[in-house]
Protein backbone atom coordinates (compact mmCIF):
# COMPACT_ATOMS: atom_id res chain seq x y z
CA MET A 1 -36.70 -1.79 39.65
CA GLY A 2 -33.63 0.04 41.02
CA ASP A 3 -32.15 -3.29 42.10
CA PHE A 4 -32.12 -4.40 38.48
CA SER A 5 -30.28 -1.35 37.09
CA VAL A 6 -27.31 -1.98 34.83
CA ASN A 7 -24.30 0.27 34.38
CA PRO A 8 -24.84 2.17 31.09
CA LEU A 9 -21.13 1.77 30.27
CA VAL A 10 -21.55 -2.01 30.35
CA LEU A 11 -24.47 -1.79 27.92
CA ILE A 12 -22.39 0.45 25.66
CA GLY A 13 -19.62 -2.12 25.84
CA VAL A 14 -22.01 -4.93 24.86
CA GLY A 15 -23.40 -2.97 21.93
CA SER A 16 -19.95 -1.83 20.79
CA GLY A 17 -18.59 -5.35 20.96
CA PHE A 18 -21.30 -6.76 18.69
CA ALA A 19 -21.21 -3.70 16.39
CA PHE A 20 -17.45 -3.96 15.87
CA SER A 21 -17.77 -7.71 15.42
CA GLY A 22 -20.26 -7.13 12.59
CA LEU A 23 -18.02 -4.48 11.01
CA PHE A 24 -14.90 -6.64 11.20
CA TYR A 25 -16.79 -9.63 9.79
CA HIS A 26 -17.90 -7.53 6.84
CA LEU A 27 -14.30 -6.45 6.22
CA TYR A 28 -13.19 -10.08 6.54
CA GLN A 29 -15.74 -11.17 3.94
CA GLU A 30 -14.67 -8.38 1.56
CA LYS A 31 -10.99 -9.29 1.94
CA THR A 32 -11.81 -13.00 1.43
CA LYS A 33 -13.65 -12.21 -1.81
CA GLU A 34 -10.73 -10.06 -2.98
CA LEU A 35 -8.25 -12.80 -2.13
CA LYS A 36 -10.32 -15.38 -4.02
CA LYS A 37 -10.31 -13.17 -7.12
CA LEU A 38 -6.54 -12.64 -6.85
CA LYS A 39 -5.93 -16.39 -6.65
CA GLU A 40 -7.97 -16.88 -9.82
CA ILE A 41 -5.63 -14.62 -11.82
CA PRO A 42 -3.13 -16.73 -13.83
CA ILE A 43 0.52 -16.13 -12.90
CA PHE A 44 3.36 -16.29 -15.44
CA LYS A 45 7.05 -15.57 -15.75
CA PRO A 46 8.81 -14.23 -18.88
CA ASP A 47 9.67 -17.62 -20.38
CA GLN A 48 8.84 -20.00 -23.21
CA HIS A 49 5.72 -21.23 -21.42
CA LEU A 50 4.22 -17.73 -21.56
CA VAL A 51 5.13 -17.47 -25.27
CA ARG A 52 3.39 -20.78 -26.02
CA VAL A 53 0.27 -19.75 -24.11
CA LEU A 54 0.12 -16.43 -25.96
CA LYS A 55 0.54 -18.08 -29.35
CA ALA A 56 -2.34 -20.40 -28.54
CA SER A 57 -4.59 -17.56 -27.29
CA PRO A 58 -7.07 -15.64 -29.46
CA HIS A 59 -5.39 -12.58 -30.99
CA LYS A 60 -2.22 -13.61 -29.11
CA ARG A 61 -3.53 -11.75 -26.08
CA LEU A 62 -4.15 -12.58 -22.42
CA GLN A 63 -6.74 -10.20 -21.03
CA TYR A 64 -5.73 -10.17 -17.35
CA VAL A 65 -2.79 -12.04 -15.86
CA ALA A 66 0.06 -11.52 -13.41
CA VAL A 67 3.65 -11.49 -14.64
CA GLU A 68 6.50 -11.84 -12.14
CA GLY A 69 10.10 -11.04 -13.00
CA LEU A 70 13.19 -8.97 -12.36
CA VAL A 71 13.42 -5.35 -13.48
CA GLN A 72 15.87 -4.73 -16.32
CA ALA A 73 16.39 -1.43 -18.14
CA ASP A 74 16.03 -1.64 -21.91
CA GLY A 75 18.85 0.88 -22.27
CA GLU A 76 20.85 2.97 -19.82
CA PRO A 77 19.30 2.96 -16.32
CA LEU A 78 18.83 6.07 -14.19
CA PRO A 79 21.58 6.64 -11.60
CA SER A 80 20.57 7.73 -8.12
CA GLN A 81 21.28 11.39 -7.42
CA PHE A 82 22.38 10.63 -3.86
CA VAL A 83 23.34 6.95 -3.51
CA PRO A 84 26.46 5.66 -5.32
CA ARG A 85 26.14 2.58 -7.57
CA CYS A 86 22.36 2.61 -7.25
CA PHE A 87 20.34 2.48 -10.46
CA GLY A 88 16.69 2.41 -11.34
CA VAL A 89 14.19 2.67 -14.17
CA ILE A 90 11.71 5.01 -12.44
CA GLN A 91 13.00 7.83 -10.26
CA LYS A 92 11.13 10.33 -8.12
CA THR A 93 12.88 13.09 -6.18
CA ALA A 94 11.12 15.56 -3.91
CA VAL A 95 12.09 18.63 -1.92
CA GLU A 96 9.67 19.93 0.69
CA GLU A 97 9.84 22.74 3.23
CA HIS A 98 8.43 22.45 6.75
CA TRP A 99 7.23 25.73 8.27
CA LYS A 100 5.41 26.78 11.41
CA TYR A 101 2.80 29.53 11.51
CA TRP A 102 1.62 31.36 14.61
CA ASN A 103 -2.09 30.88 15.33
CA SER A 104 -3.24 33.91 17.33
CA LEU A 105 -6.57 32.27 18.20
CA SER A 106 -5.04 29.27 19.97
CA ASN A 107 -1.68 30.92 20.77
CA THR A 108 0.19 27.97 19.28
CA TRP A 109 2.53 27.24 16.38
CA ASN A 110 0.89 25.16 13.65
CA SER A 111 2.96 23.03 11.26
CA ARG A 112 2.57 23.13 7.50
CA LYS A 113 4.37 21.65 4.50
CA VAL A 114 4.92 24.08 1.62
CA ASN A 115 6.80 24.52 -1.66
CA ARG A 116 6.89 20.84 -2.54
CA LYS A 117 8.88 20.31 -5.71
CA GLU A 118 8.72 16.87 -7.27
CA THR A 119 10.56 15.48 -10.29
CA GLN A 120 9.85 12.13 -11.90
CA ASN A 121 11.91 10.39 -14.58
CA SER A 122 11.65 7.00 -16.21
CA VAL A 123 13.31 4.88 -18.87
CA PRO A 124 11.84 1.90 -20.78
CA PHE A 125 12.24 -1.37 -18.92
CA SER A 126 11.25 -5.03 -19.06
CA LEU A 127 10.72 -7.99 -16.77
CA VAL A 128 13.01 -10.99 -17.15
CA SER A 129 13.16 -14.35 -15.42
CA PRO A 130 15.59 -14.67 -12.48
CA GLY A 131 19.07 -15.57 -13.66
CA ALA A 132 18.29 -14.59 -17.25
CA TYR A 133 19.70 -11.09 -17.62
CA ILE A 134 20.95 -11.91 -21.14
CA THR A 135 17.98 -13.40 -22.93
CA ASP A 136 15.65 -12.88 -25.85
CA LEU A 137 12.64 -13.56 -23.63
CA TYR A 138 11.31 -10.60 -21.71
CA VAL A 139 8.08 -8.72 -21.06
CA LYS A 140 8.20 -5.01 -21.83
CA VAL A 141 6.28 -2.89 -19.32
CA GLN A 142 4.15 -0.36 -21.18
CA ASN A 143 3.39 3.04 -19.58
CA PRO A 144 4.36 2.07 -16.01
CA LEU A 145 3.59 5.57 -14.71
CA GLU A 146 -0.09 4.92 -15.47
CA ALA A 147 -0.12 1.85 -13.20
CA SER A 148 -1.25 1.97 -9.58
CA GLY A 149 0.65 0.47 -6.68
CA CYS A 150 3.43 1.58 -4.32
CA TYR A 151 6.29 0.09 -6.30
CA LEU A 152 8.97 2.73 -5.59
CA GLU A 153 11.58 2.18 -2.89
CA ARG A 154 12.89 5.09 -0.84
CA VAL A 155 16.65 5.06 -1.17
CA TYR A 156 17.45 8.48 0.30
CA LEU A 157 15.95 10.79 2.91
CA LYS A 158 17.60 13.76 4.55
CA VAL A 159 16.09 16.45 6.75
CA ARG A 160 18.00 19.72 7.05
CA HIS A 161 16.90 21.63 10.13
CA ALA A 162 16.79 25.42 9.96
CA GLU A 163 19.41 27.32 11.92
CA GLU A 164 18.15 29.63 14.62
CA SER A 165 19.81 32.95 15.36
CA LEU A 166 18.80 36.07 17.25
CA GLY A 167 17.98 37.87 14.03
CA ASN A 168 15.83 35.00 12.79
CA ILE A 169 13.96 34.81 16.08
CA VAL A 170 13.14 38.52 15.89
CA MET A 171 11.95 38.20 12.28
CA GLN A 172 9.85 35.17 13.19
CA GLY A 173 8.15 37.13 15.95
CA LEU A 174 7.31 39.93 13.54
CA SER A 175 6.17 37.79 10.62
CA GLY A 176 4.44 35.05 12.60
CA GLU A 177 6.10 32.28 10.63
CA LYS A 178 9.35 30.38 10.83
CA PRO A 179 11.15 27.70 8.78
CA VAL A 180 11.64 24.38 10.56
CA ALA A 181 13.35 22.08 8.12
CA MET A 182 13.85 21.12 4.49
CA GLU A 183 13.29 17.49 3.51
CA GLU A 184 14.93 15.82 0.51
CA SER A 185 13.94 12.35 -0.63
CA GLU A 186 14.50 10.01 -3.55
CA GLU A 187 12.55 6.93 -4.57
CA LEU A 188 13.51 4.38 -7.21
CA LEU A 189 12.21 1.29 -8.91
CA ARG A 190 15.60 -0.36 -8.75
CA VAL A 191 17.22 -2.43 -11.44
CA GLY A 192 17.27 -6.10 -10.40
CA SER A 193 14.35 -5.79 -7.99
CA THR A 194 11.43 -8.20 -8.13
CA LEU A 195 8.23 -6.82 -9.62
CA THR A 196 4.82 -8.36 -10.28
CA GLY A 197 2.58 -6.69 -12.82
CA PHE A 198 -1.16 -7.23 -13.21
CA GLY A 199 -2.57 -6.38 -16.60
CA GLU A 200 -2.97 -7.44 -20.19
CA VAL A 201 -0.16 -9.25 -22.02
CA VAL A 202 0.11 -9.26 -25.80
CA LEU A 203 2.57 -10.99 -28.13
CA GLU A 204 4.11 -9.02 -31.00
CA GLY A 205 6.34 -10.36 -33.72
CA GLY A 206 6.40 -13.88 -32.37
CA GLN A 207 8.75 -13.20 -29.41
CA VAL A 208 8.17 -9.67 -28.09
CA MET A 209 5.76 -9.67 -25.12
CA ARG A 210 4.25 -6.53 -23.66
CA LEU A 211 2.44 -5.87 -20.37
CA GLN A 212 -0.06 -3.04 -20.65
CA ALA A 213 -3.20 -1.56 -19.12
CA PRO A 214 -6.21 -3.89 -19.58
CA GLN A 215 -8.81 -2.88 -22.13
CA ASP A 216 -11.66 -4.31 -20.05
CA GLY A 217 -11.37 -1.65 -17.35
CA ARG A 218 -9.62 -3.71 -14.70
CA LYS A 219 -6.77 -2.15 -12.76
CA TYR A 220 -3.25 -1.97 -14.12
CA ILE A 221 -1.12 -2.70 -11.03
CA LEU A 222 2.59 -3.00 -10.28
CA VAL A 223 3.68 -4.39 -6.91
CA PRO A 224 7.33 -4.49 -5.70
CA THR A 225 7.34 -8.11 -4.60
CA ASP A 226 6.90 -11.62 -5.88
CA HIS A 227 3.40 -13.03 -6.43
CA ARG A 228 3.51 -15.38 -3.42
CA SER A 229 4.47 -12.58 -1.01
CA PHE A 230 1.72 -10.41 -2.47
CA LEU A 231 -0.89 -13.11 -1.73
CA ASP A 232 0.59 -13.75 1.73
CA ARG A 233 0.08 -10.09 2.61
CA HIS A 234 -3.59 -10.28 1.68
CA GLU A 235 -3.99 -13.55 3.59
CA ARG A 236 -2.51 -11.94 6.71
CA SER A 237 -4.94 -9.06 6.33
CA ALA A 238 -7.88 -11.49 6.08
CA SER A 239 -6.64 -13.37 9.16
CA MET A 240 -6.39 -10.09 11.08
CA TRP A 241 -10.03 -9.17 10.33
CA LYS A 242 -11.10 -12.70 11.26
CA MET A 243 -9.27 -12.49 14.60
CA LEU A 244 -10.73 -9.05 15.37
CA THR A 245 -14.20 -10.39 14.55
CA ALA A 246 -13.77 -13.20 17.08
CA LEU A 247 -12.24 -10.99 19.79
CA SER A 248 -14.90 -8.27 19.59
CA GLY A 249 -17.69 -10.87 19.44
CA ILE A 250 -16.33 -12.74 22.45
CA THR A 251 -15.95 -9.46 24.36
CA GLY A 252 -19.55 -8.46 23.64
CA ALA A 253 -20.87 -11.92 24.52
CA SER A 254 -18.85 -12.00 27.77
CA LEU A 255 -20.18 -8.61 28.87
CA LEU A 256 -23.73 -9.67 28.01
CA ALA A 257 -23.30 -12.90 30.00
CA CYS A 258 -22.09 -10.88 32.98
CA VAL A 259 -25.15 -8.61 32.74
CA VAL A 260 -27.55 -11.56 32.53
CA TYR A 261 -25.79 -13.35 35.38
CA GLY A 262 -26.00 -10.24 37.56
CA LEU A 263 -29.70 -9.73 36.83
CA VAL A 264 -30.53 -13.39 37.51
CA GLY A 265 -28.53 -13.33 40.72
CA LYS A 266 -30.33 -10.22 41.98
CA LYS A 267 -33.69 -11.74 41.09
CA ASP A 268 -32.86 -14.90 43.08
CA ASP A 269 -31.78 -12.78 46.06
CA ARG A 270 -35.11 -10.90 46.02
CA SER A 271 -37.12 -14.15 45.81
CA LYS A 272 -35.37 -15.42 48.94
């Protein structure tokens, strides 16, 4: 039987190949289902077509749709604290300290982030159609801070490294901790940027449209891109899982074929 032994690493490779193939196929199926649901969501822009659809809908309400437009402040926008002539409607600034602490057990310095201070401001804003900054047709975005999605753009980041001196080095040795750097950052939802919101749209007063959190429990989402790019990103993700499924499956099948070929070859040699 010793002549028919197989390297355990090869068997592990065969099993891992098929296991990962099954995992990636499951992720591919989940992403495909998600993509199908996203494509079923109606997409609108802040225009007369959306107004007509709302007027024809029960209670002048669309339960879950996507609205794509350009960000426009309803009043005065928020100026960036660091970047000239840069304005937004949602602003988040953060200051964070980076320290190192001496670990006596491992005799190493461990990093840690402390004293994070974060400030967030917002002003009312709406979505308008491209090229229609002066218009009576717009979709007001209700409670955007309650929406999920990474819709803020980092416009400023600066890291200030701590200065080292003889006195500081002595104090660090005594206290077992030392400052490394201070990081300042600012993120904005910029005026004029493209935004797609997923939620419920209602019509008020015949012309005023509002995007708000759905009442049926579905997610209220804001994404900093147009609808087509948003779908393209999900399609690329599905294609990636599909490719990984094929690669891991082919790898497992190839290793298995090599094992079978080796066993058959050894058996033929013994029969001769």
